[in-house]
Amino acid sequence: MMAKQILDAFSETLMQDERILSPRERELLMSILQNSRAVPGSDLQTQSAVNAAIARSVGETVAQRAFTLLGSSIVEQILAGSGIAAPAEETMPARLAHKSPQPPSERKQGDVPQPPGAVPQPPGVRKPGDVPQPPSAPVPQPPGVRKPGDVPQPPGAPVPQPPGVRKPGVVPQPPGAVPQPPSAPQGLQPVGVEVQQGARQSDAHSGGGVGVLEAPAVVRARSVVLDEFLAPHELDELVAYAMQHETEFQNSVVVSPSGETGVMDYSHRRSRVLMDLGKHQEVILERVRRVLPRVLEQFGMEEFPVTHAEAQITASNDGDFFRAHSDDAQEMVASRCITFVYFFHREPCPFEGGELRLHDSLGSDRHVSTGSYQTIVPQQNQIVFFPCSVLHEITAVECSSQDFADSRFTLNGWLHK
C-alpha cells in the first residue's frame, strides 16, 4: 500500500469519529472551503496559500484531539490488563449526563443536612439512633392514600384533579391562538392540558369514575444552522443591493385563514419585503440546493424533488415583529416543505431583538405551543433551515436610529415538494 493510500485511509477513519470533528465543524469547514474558491480574481499562488493555511489549522486540531483519544485508549487498556476498574464517573461520556451534581454548599429548601457518610432512608424507615416521633406528629402520606380518620367522600363529591386534567368550566384555547412566551402564560396550552382533539380518557382505578386524560404528543422543533454561508464578496453585494432598492420594499402581507392573499394585519406581522432579488436569488438558491441533502438527512427526511422555490428579502426596523405561525398552514401554501432564513445586516450590528423562536407544539394541534422553544439570535452570514410545519415567530426588533439601513435583514424563502 502506498504512503498516500495509508494517509487517506487514516484520514477517512478520523473523519468518521465525531469526537475528532463534529458534524457542525465539518459543515463549517465545507462552507469555508467553498467560499475560499468563490473569491474572484484570486490566482493559483494565493489559492494555494489559503488551502495550506486551512490544512495546517485542521491538521493541528485533528492531531491534538487524536492524541488525546489515543492516550485515553492506552490508559484504559493498561487499567483493564491490571484488573483495576476505572471509576464510572470517568468513563461515562459527558453528553450522557442529564443532571449536574450540586456542590455540597447548595441545599434545597426544606432538606435536612446529612452527616458525612449518611445514607438517605426511604420514608417510614427509622435509622438507628433516631428518636421516634410522638403520635401527634403528622406523617406525610403519598397522594391517593387515605389517612386514618379521614371521612370517605360520597360518590359525586368533587375529587382533586391531578396535574394535566382540565377542571369543568375551564375553556380550552381555540386552535390558532397566538402563543405567548413563558413570562406571559395566558393563552398557552402546557403539556398535559386537555385540548379539543388528541386527548383520550382512560378508566380510573379509584372507583370514583374520574376520567384521566393522557397527555397529547409533543412535536419538537427541529433546525439546522450553518455559519459563513456566502462568500464575503457575495455578502457585501447583497447588503449593497438591499440599500440601493429601499424604495421598492413594500409592507408585508399575510394569508388570511380563509385563504385570501395580500392581507395586511399589523397586529400579526409588521415588516417590509422586496420580492425582486436580482441575481442574488439564484446565488442563494444554488447554495441551498447544494446543502439540502445534508439538511434533510439531519431532519431524518427523505430527499424530494423541489418543484419550485420562493425567496424574498425582509427588512425589520424598530418595533417590527411576526407573531407565531407556521409556513404551510393554508391550502395555497401547503406544498411548502422546508423554510430557510439567511441573516445579514450592516456592521457593527445596529439593532437588538428580532430573535427567531422555534416552538415545540402539541401533536394534536401544531398551532398551540407547549411553552418551550429554541431561540436563534441573528448572526451575520448565518442561515437556518427548519420544516415549514414548525410553529415559529420573530420577536420585536429594537432599532434606535430607525434608519432603513440599520434594519434587521433576512433573505428568507421556501422549498416546495
Protein backbone atom coordinates (compact mmCIF):
# COMPACT_ATOMS: atom_id res chain seq x y z
CA MET A 1 0.00 0.00 0.00
CA MET A 2 1.37 3.40 -0.97
CA ALA A 3 2.02 6.07 1.67
CA LYS A 4 -0.76 8.28 0.24
CA GLN A 5 -3.24 5.39 0.44
CA ILE A 6 -2.31 4.83 4.08
CA LEU A 7 -2.78 8.53 4.87
CA ASP A 8 -6.10 8.64 3.00
CA ALA A 9 -7.41 5.59 4.87
CA PHE A 10 -6.27 7.03 8.22
CA SER A 11 -7.86 10.42 7.43
CA GLU A 12 -11.14 8.78 6.46
CA THR A 13 -11.19 6.86 9.76
CA LEU A 14 -10.63 10.04 11.75
CA MET A 15 -13.33 11.92 9.80
CA GLN A 16 -15.90 9.27 10.78
CA ASP A 17 -15.29 9.87 14.50
CA GLU A 18 -17.45 12.76 15.75
CA ARG A 19 -15.05 13.19 18.70
CA ILE A 20 -12.43 14.35 16.18
CA LEU A 21 -14.67 16.58 14.03
CA SER A 22 -18.32 17.14 14.89
CA PRO A 23 -20.95 17.39 12.09
CA ARG A 24 -21.25 21.13 12.81
CA GLU A 25 -17.48 21.58 12.40
CA ARG A 26 -17.50 19.61 9.14
CA GLU A 27 -20.31 21.82 7.81
CA LEU A 28 -18.36 24.97 8.76
CA LEU A 29 -15.18 23.63 7.15
CA MET A 30 -17.12 22.83 3.95
CA SER A 31 -18.51 26.40 3.84
CA ILE A 32 -15.04 27.91 4.37
CA LEU A 33 -13.56 25.82 1.56
CA GLN A 34 -16.42 26.68 -0.81
CA ASN A 35 -16.14 30.38 -0.04
CA SER A 36 -12.37 30.40 -0.48
CA ARG A 37 -12.81 29.08 -4.02
CA ALA A 38 -15.52 31.62 -4.81
CA VAL A 39 -13.30 34.69 -4.22
CA PRO A 40 -12.96 36.43 -7.63
CA GLY A 41 -9.60 37.38 -9.03
CA SER A 42 -7.52 35.05 -6.85
CA ASP A 43 -4.50 33.49 -8.58
CA LEU A 44 -3.17 29.97 -8.06
CA GLN A 45 -0.46 31.11 -5.66
CA THR A 46 -2.99 32.85 -3.40
CA GLN A 47 -5.37 29.90 -3.59
CA SER A 48 -2.53 27.53 -2.69
CA ALA A 49 -1.54 29.66 0.32
CA VAL A 50 -5.16 29.75 1.56
CA ASN A 51 -5.51 25.96 1.21
CA ALA A 52 -2.21 25.43 3.04
CA ALA A 53 -3.31 27.63 5.94
CA ILE A 54 -6.64 25.80 6.22
CA ALA A 55 -4.93 22.40 6.01
CA ARG A 56 -2.40 23.36 8.70
CA SER A 57 -5.12 24.55 11.11
CA VAL A 58 -7.27 21.46 10.53
CA GLY A 59 -4.26 19.15 10.88
CA GLU A 60 -3.19 20.68 14.19
CA THR A 61 -6.72 20.43 15.61
CA VAL A 62 -7.25 16.83 14.44
CA ALA A 63 -3.80 15.73 15.67
CA GLN A 64 -4.34 17.19 19.13
CA ARG A 65 -7.74 15.51 19.53
CA ALA A 66 -6.48 12.21 18.09
CA PHE A 67 -3.50 12.16 20.51
CA THR A 68 -5.86 12.75 23.44
CA LEU A 69 -8.17 9.89 22.38
CA LEU A 70 -5.19 7.61 21.71
CA GLY A 71 -3.75 8.34 25.17
CA SER A 72 -7.10 7.67 26.84
CA SER A 73 -7.38 4.35 24.99
CA ILE A 74 -3.89 3.30 26.09
CA VAL A 75 -4.66 4.18 29.72
CA GLU A 76 -7.91 2.17 29.59
CA GLN A 77 -6.10 -0.87 28.18
CA ILE A 78 -3.43 -0.69 30.90
CA LEU A 79 -6.09 -0.47 33.61
CA ALA A 80 -8.04 -3.36 32.04
CA GLY A 81 -4.90 -5.51 31.89
CA SER A 82 -4.05 -4.82 35.52
CA GLY A 83 -7.55 -5.65 36.70
CA ILE A 84 -8.20 -2.14 38.03
CA ALA A 85 -11.65 -0.92 37.07
CA ALA A 86 -11.88 2.70 36.03
CA PRO A 87 -14.39 4.81 38.04
CA ALA A 88 -17.78 5.03 36.37
CA GLU A 89 -17.69 8.82 36.53
CA GLU A 90 -14.54 8.93 34.44
CA THR A 91 -15.62 6.50 31.71
CA MET A 92 -19.16 7.83 31.18
CA PRO A 93 -19.35 10.24 28.21
CA ALA A 94 -20.25 13.75 29.33
CA ARG A 95 -23.07 14.05 26.79
CA LEU A 96 -24.96 11.19 28.51
CA ALA A 97 -25.18 13.02 31.85
CA HIS A 98 -28.56 14.68 32.23
CA LYS A 99 -28.02 16.31 35.62
CA SER A 100 -25.03 18.02 37.15
CA PRO A 101 -24.37 17.18 40.81
CA GLN A 102 -24.94 20.09 43.12
CA PRO A 103 -21.97 21.36 45.10
CA PRO A 104 -22.02 20.43 48.80
CA SER A 105 -22.90 24.02 49.80
CA GLU A 106 -26.12 24.03 47.76
CA ARG A 107 -29.07 22.64 49.69
CA LYS A 108 -32.68 22.84 48.60
CA GLN A 109 -35.15 24.50 50.91
CA GLY A 110 -36.55 22.03 53.43
CA ASP A 111 -33.71 19.48 53.07
CA VAL A 112 -32.23 18.19 56.30
CA PRO A 113 -28.41 18.23 56.26
CA GLN A 114 -26.99 14.70 56.34
CA PRO A 115 -23.84 13.93 58.33
CA PRO A 116 -20.84 12.64 56.37
CA GLY A 117 -21.43 9.12 55.19
CA ALA A 118 -25.15 9.19 55.95
CA VAL A 119 -27.29 7.16 53.58
CA PRO A 120 -30.75 8.58 52.78
CA GLN A 121 -33.53 6.31 54.02
CA PRO A 122 -36.89 5.79 52.33
CA PRO A 123 -39.96 7.27 54.02
CA GLY A 124 -41.08 5.35 57.09
CA VAL A 125 -37.70 3.68 57.79
CA ARG A 126 -36.13 4.82 61.07
CA LYS A 127 -32.37 4.83 61.23
CA PRO A 128 -30.60 3.53 64.36
CA GLY A 129 -30.46 6.25 66.97
CA ASP A 130 -33.41 8.21 65.63
CA VAL A 131 -35.90 9.44 68.20
CA PRO A 132 -39.38 8.16 67.35
CA GLN A 133 -41.95 10.87 66.69
CA PRO A 134 -44.83 11.25 69.12
CA PRO A 135 -48.20 10.02 67.94
CA SER A 136 -49.39 13.58 67.35
CA ALA A 137 -46.70 14.29 64.74
CA PRO A 138 -48.28 14.07 61.28
CA VAL A 139 -46.72 11.64 58.85
CA PRO A 140 -46.80 12.76 55.18
CA GLN A 141 -48.90 10.43 53.08
CA PRO A 142 -48.38 9.81 49.36
CA PRO A 143 -51.10 11.04 47.00
CA GLY A 144 -54.15 8.82 46.91
CA VAL A 145 -53.58 7.21 50.39
CA ARG A 146 -56.33 7.94 52.92
CA LYS A 147 -55.08 8.79 56.39
CA PRO A 148 -56.71 7.20 59.46
CA GLY A 149 -59.70 9.24 60.50
CA ASP A 150 -60.40 10.65 57.04
CA VAL A 151 -64.04 10.52 56.04
CA PRO A 152 -64.60 8.79 52.70
CA GLN A 153 -66.15 11.11 50.13
CA PRO A 154 -69.57 10.10 48.84
CA PRO A 155 -69.95 9.37 45.13
CA GLY A 156 -70.22 12.55 43.10
CA ALA A 157 -68.22 14.69 45.54
CA PRO A 158 -65.51 16.86 43.95
CA VAL A 159 -62.29 14.94 43.56
CA PRO A 160 -58.94 16.79 43.37
CA GLN A 161 -57.69 16.68 39.80
CA PRO A 162 -54.12 15.53 39.03
CA PRO A 163 -51.89 17.89 37.04
CA GLY A 164 -52.79 17.95 33.36
CA VAL A 165 -56.55 17.33 33.77
CA ARG A 166 -58.88 20.19 32.84
CA LYS A 167 -61.42 21.04 35.52
CA PRO A 168 -65.05 21.55 34.48
CA GLY A 169 -65.67 25.10 33.39
CA VAL A 170 -62.16 25.72 32.03
CA VAL A 171 -62.49 26.82 28.42
CA PRO A 172 -59.87 25.27 26.06
CA GLN A 173 -57.95 27.66 23.85
CA PRO A 174 -59.18 27.69 20.23
CA PRO A 175 -56.79 26.46 17.50
CA GLY A 176 -54.70 29.27 16.08
CA ALA A 177 -54.46 31.20 19.36
CA VAL A 178 -51.24 33.18 19.46
CA PRO A 179 -48.86 31.59 21.99
CA GLN A 180 -47.14 33.85 24.50
CA PRO A 181 -43.62 33.44 25.89
CA PRO A 182 -43.23 31.76 29.29
CA SER A 183 -43.26 35.13 31.09
CA ALA A 184 -46.86 35.69 29.97
CA PRO A 185 -48.51 32.23 30.07
CA GLN A 186 -52.01 33.39 29.15
CA GLY A 187 -53.16 31.56 26.04
CA LEU A 188 -50.56 28.77 26.29
CA GLN A 189 -51.52 25.13 26.38
CA PRO A 190 -48.97 23.38 28.65
CA VAL A 191 -48.21 19.72 28.07
CA GLY A 192 -50.91 17.54 29.60
CA VAL A 193 -53.73 20.11 29.48
CA GLU A 194 -56.81 18.91 27.64
CA VAL A 195 -57.26 20.24 24.13
CA GLN A 196 -60.20 19.78 21.81
CA GLN A 197 -58.58 16.88 19.99
CA GLY A 198 -55.90 14.32 20.67
CA ALA A 199 -56.65 13.58 24.35
CA ARG A 200 -58.10 10.17 25.29
CA GLN A 201 -59.80 9.16 28.52
CA SER A 202 -58.69 6.09 30.45
CA ASP A 203 -60.66 4.37 33.23
CA ALA A 204 -59.74 5.43 36.75
CA HIS A 205 -58.98 2.68 39.24
CA SER A 206 -60.06 4.64 42.31
CA GLY A 207 -63.70 3.69 41.79
CA GLY A 208 -64.81 7.32 41.70
CA GLY A 209 -65.35 7.42 37.94
CA VAL A 210 -62.71 10.11 37.36
CA GLY A 211 -61.50 10.36 33.73
CA VAL A 212 -57.73 10.87 33.44
CA LEU A 213 -56.57 12.39 30.16
CA GLU A 214 -53.40 11.18 28.55
CA ALA A 215 -51.02 13.97 27.58
CA PRO A 216 -51.00 14.61 23.81
CA ALA A 217 -47.78 14.01 21.96
CA VAL A 218 -45.33 16.91 21.73
CA VAL A 219 -43.76 17.79 18.38
CA ARG A 220 -40.23 19.10 18.99
CA ALA A 221 -38.95 21.97 16.85
CA ARG A 222 -36.01 20.99 14.66
CA SER A 223 -33.49 23.20 12.88
CA VAL A 224 -30.12 23.16 11.12
CA VAL A 225 -27.85 26.22 11.42
CA LEU A 226 -24.92 26.87 9.05
CA ASP A 227 -22.38 29.66 9.54
CA GLU A 228 -20.42 31.64 6.90
CA PHE A 229 -22.91 30.60 4.23
CA LEU A 230 -21.95 33.10 1.50
CA ALA A 231 -18.54 34.26 0.37
CA PRO A 232 -17.54 37.67 1.81
CA HIS A 233 -17.93 39.48 -1.52
CA GLU A 234 -21.38 37.89 -2.04
CA LEU A 235 -22.46 39.13 1.40
CA ASP A 236 -21.20 42.67 0.66
CA GLU A 237 -23.02 42.75 -2.68
CA LEU A 238 -26.27 41.57 -1.06
CA VAL A 239 -26.10 44.28 1.64
CA ALA A 240 -25.45 46.94 -1.03
CA TYR A 241 -28.34 45.62 -3.17
CA ALA A 242 -30.80 45.94 -0.27
CA MET A 243 -29.69 49.53 0.41
CA GLN A 244 -29.99 50.53 -3.25
CA HIS A 245 -33.59 49.21 -3.53
CA GLU A 246 -35.01 50.76 -0.34
CA THR A 247 -37.87 52.47 -2.23
CA GLU A 248 -39.02 49.14 -3.70
CA PHE A 249 -39.69 47.48 -0.34
CA GLN A 250 -43.42 47.03 0.33
CA ASN A 251 -45.37 46.46 3.56
CA SER A 252 -45.58 42.77 4.44
CA VAL A 253 -48.83 40.89 3.92
CA VAL A 254 -50.17 37.59 5.22
CA VAL A 255 -52.52 34.84 4.04
CA SER A 256 -55.81 35.03 5.96
CA PRO A 257 -57.40 31.89 7.49
CA SER A 258 -59.93 31.98 4.64
CA GLY A 259 -57.09 31.72 2.11
CA GLU A 260 -57.25 35.32 0.95
CA THR A 261 -53.81 36.63 -0.07
CA GLY A 262 -52.36 40.10 0.23
CA VAL A 263 -53.97 40.83 3.61
CA MET A 264 -52.24 43.40 5.82
CA ASP A 265 -52.62 42.60 9.52
CA TYR A 266 -50.38 44.84 11.63
CA SER A 267 -51.41 43.02 14.81
CA HIS A 268 -49.90 39.81 13.43
CA ARG A 269 -46.97 40.95 11.27
CA ARG A 270 -45.08 44.17 10.68
CA SER A 271 -42.11 44.48 8.31
CA ARG A 272 -41.26 45.35 4.69
CA VAL A 273 -40.34 42.95 1.87
CA LEU A 274 -38.58 43.06 -1.51
CA MET A 275 -39.66 40.41 -3.99
CA ASP A 276 -37.15 41.18 -6.80
CA LEU A 277 -33.77 39.82 -5.67
CA GLY A 278 -31.96 40.14 -8.99
CA LYS A 279 -29.01 37.78 -9.33
CA HIS A 280 -28.98 37.14 -5.58
CA GLN A 281 -31.96 34.81 -5.78
CA GLU A 282 -30.09 32.28 -7.91
CA VAL A 283 -26.93 32.66 -5.78
CA ILE A 284 -28.75 31.80 -2.56
CA LEU A 285 -30.87 29.03 -4.11
CA GLU A 286 -27.83 27.38 -5.69
CA ARG A 287 -26.13 27.24 -2.27
CA VAL A 288 -29.32 25.97 -0.64
CA ARG A 289 -29.64 23.14 -3.19
CA ARG A 290 -26.02 22.17 -2.55
CA VAL A 291 -26.52 21.63 1.21
CA LEU A 292 -30.13 20.39 1.08
CA PRO A 293 -29.28 16.64 1.13
CA ARG A 294 -27.30 17.05 4.36
CA VAL A 295 -30.06 19.20 5.90
CA LEU A 296 -32.74 16.61 5.11
CA GLU A 297 -30.51 13.86 6.49
CA GLN A 298 -30.27 15.67 9.84
CA PHE A 299 -34.05 16.06 9.89
CA GLY A 300 -34.49 12.37 9.13
CA MET A 301 -36.40 13.28 5.97
CA GLU A 302 -36.12 11.65 2.55
CA GLU A 303 -34.84 13.72 -0.36
CA PHE A 304 -37.56 15.11 -2.61
CA PRO A 305 -37.67 16.88 -5.99
CA VAL A 306 -38.01 20.64 -5.45
CA THR A 307 -40.87 21.67 -7.75
CA HIS A 308 -40.27 25.38 -7.18
CA ALA A 309 -38.83 27.82 -4.64
CA GLU A 310 -39.82 31.20 -3.22
CA ALA A 311 -37.44 33.86 -1.93
CA GLN A 312 -37.68 37.43 -0.67
CA ILE A 313 -35.68 39.98 1.33
CA THR A 314 -37.34 41.12 4.55
CA ALA A 315 -36.40 44.35 6.36
CA SER A 316 -37.49 44.66 10.01
CA ASN A 317 -37.00 48.00 11.75
CA ASP A 318 -37.86 49.39 15.18
CA GLY A 319 -40.95 47.66 16.62
CA ASP A 320 -41.38 45.20 13.74
CA PHE A 321 -42.31 41.59 14.56
CA PHE A 322 -44.08 38.45 13.31
CA ARG A 323 -46.43 36.53 15.63
CA ALA A 324 -46.29 32.74 15.96
CA HIS A 325 -47.28 30.91 12.78
CA SER A 326 -46.32 28.02 10.52
CA ASP A 327 -45.43 28.47 6.85
CA ASP A 328 -47.69 25.76 5.38
CA ALA A 329 -50.88 26.37 7.38
CA GLN A 330 -53.10 27.45 4.45
CA GLU A 331 -54.12 25.29 1.49
CA MET A 332 -52.46 27.51 -1.11
CA VAL A 333 -49.04 27.09 0.58
CA ALA A 334 -49.48 23.51 1.79
CA SER A 335 -46.81 22.26 -0.65
CA ARG A 336 -44.10 24.19 1.20
CA CYS A 337 -41.72 21.74 2.87
CA ILE A 338 -38.53 23.49 4.05
CA THR A 339 -38.10 27.08 5.27
CA PHE A 340 -34.72 28.85 5.17
CA VAL A 341 -33.78 32.18 6.79
CA TYR A 342 -30.45 33.85 5.91
CA PHE A 343 -29.37 36.72 8.22
CA PHE A 344 -27.42 39.79 7.05
CA HIS A 345 -27.03 43.41 8.20
CA ARG A 346 -24.64 46.33 8.38
CA GLU A 347 -21.64 46.11 10.70
CA PRO A 348 -21.49 46.66 13.59
CA CYS A 349 -24.94 45.22 14.21
CA PRO A 350 -27.22 48.29 14.56
CA PHE A 351 -30.26 46.59 16.16
CA GLU A 352 -31.28 44.31 19.01
CA GLY A 353 -34.02 41.69 19.30
CA GLY A 354 -35.53 40.18 16.19
CA GLU A 355 -34.85 36.69 17.51
CA LEU A 356 -36.22 33.64 15.70
CA ARG A 357 -38.11 31.40 18.13
CA LEU A 358 -38.93 27.83 17.08
CA HIS A 359 -41.70 26.44 19.30
CA ASP A 360 -42.39 22.89 20.42
CA SER A 361 -46.07 22.23 19.73
CA LEU A 362 -48.81 19.78 20.62
CA GLY A 363 -49.17 16.84 18.27
CA SER A 364 -52.96 17.20 18.28
CA ASP A 365 -52.71 20.88 17.26
CA ARG A 366 -49.38 22.09 15.93
CA HIS A 367 -50.58 25.72 16.19
CA VAL A 368 -50.52 25.51 20.01
CA SER A 369 -47.14 25.98 21.69
CA THR A 370 -46.16 23.91 24.72
CA GLY A 371 -44.38 26.99 26.08
CA SER A 372 -40.91 25.64 25.28
CA TYR A 373 -38.88 26.88 22.32
CA GLN A 374 -35.36 27.33 21.00
CA THR A 375 -34.09 30.83 20.31
CA ILE A 376 -31.82 31.76 17.40
CA VAL A 377 -30.20 35.20 17.65
CA PRO A 378 -29.50 36.75 14.20
CA GLN A 379 -25.83 36.33 13.27
CA GLN A 380 -24.13 37.81 10.24
CA ASN A 381 -23.84 35.43 7.23
CA GLN A 382 -25.76 32.64 9.00
CA ILE A 383 -28.61 30.53 7.59
CA VAL A 384 -31.25 28.50 9.44
CA PHE A 385 -33.30 25.63 7.97
CA PHE A 386 -36.43 24.14 9.57
CA PRO A 387 -39.56 22.26 8.39
CA CYS A 388 -42.37 24.60 7.28
CA SER A 389 -44.74 22.96 9.77
CA VAL A 390 -42.72 24.23 12.75
CA LEU A 391 -44.50 26.92 14.79
CA HIS A 392 -42.21 29.96 14.86
CA GLU A 393 -42.17 33.70 15.50
CA ILE A 394 -39.93 36.79 15.23
CA THR A 395 -39.64 38.88 18.40
CA ALA A 396 -39.85 42.66 18.25
CA VAL A 397 -36.84 44.49 16.79
CA GLU A 398 -35.25 47.42 18.64
CA CYS A 399 -33.54 49.88 16.26
CA SER A 400 -32.90 53.22 17.98
CA SER A 401 -31.85 55.06 14.79
CA GLN A 402 -34.95 53.85 12.87
CA ASP A 403 -32.89 54.23 9.67
CA PHE A 404 -33.76 51.74 6.95
CA ALA A 405 -30.08 50.86 6.52
CA ASP A 406 -29.93 49.77 10.18
CA SER A 407 -32.75 47.23 9.78
CA ARG A 408 -32.60 43.53 10.54
CA PHE A 409 -32.39 41.95 7.06
CA THR A 410 -33.12 38.37 6.05
CA LEU A 411 -33.20 36.59 2.73
CA ASN A 412 -35.85 34.01 3.50
CA GLY A 413 -37.70 31.51 1.38
CA TRP A 414 -39.43 28.17 1.00
CA LEU A 415 -38.82 24.97 -0.96
CA HIS A 416 -41.93 23.23 -2.36
CA LYS A 417 -42.24 19.49 -2.97
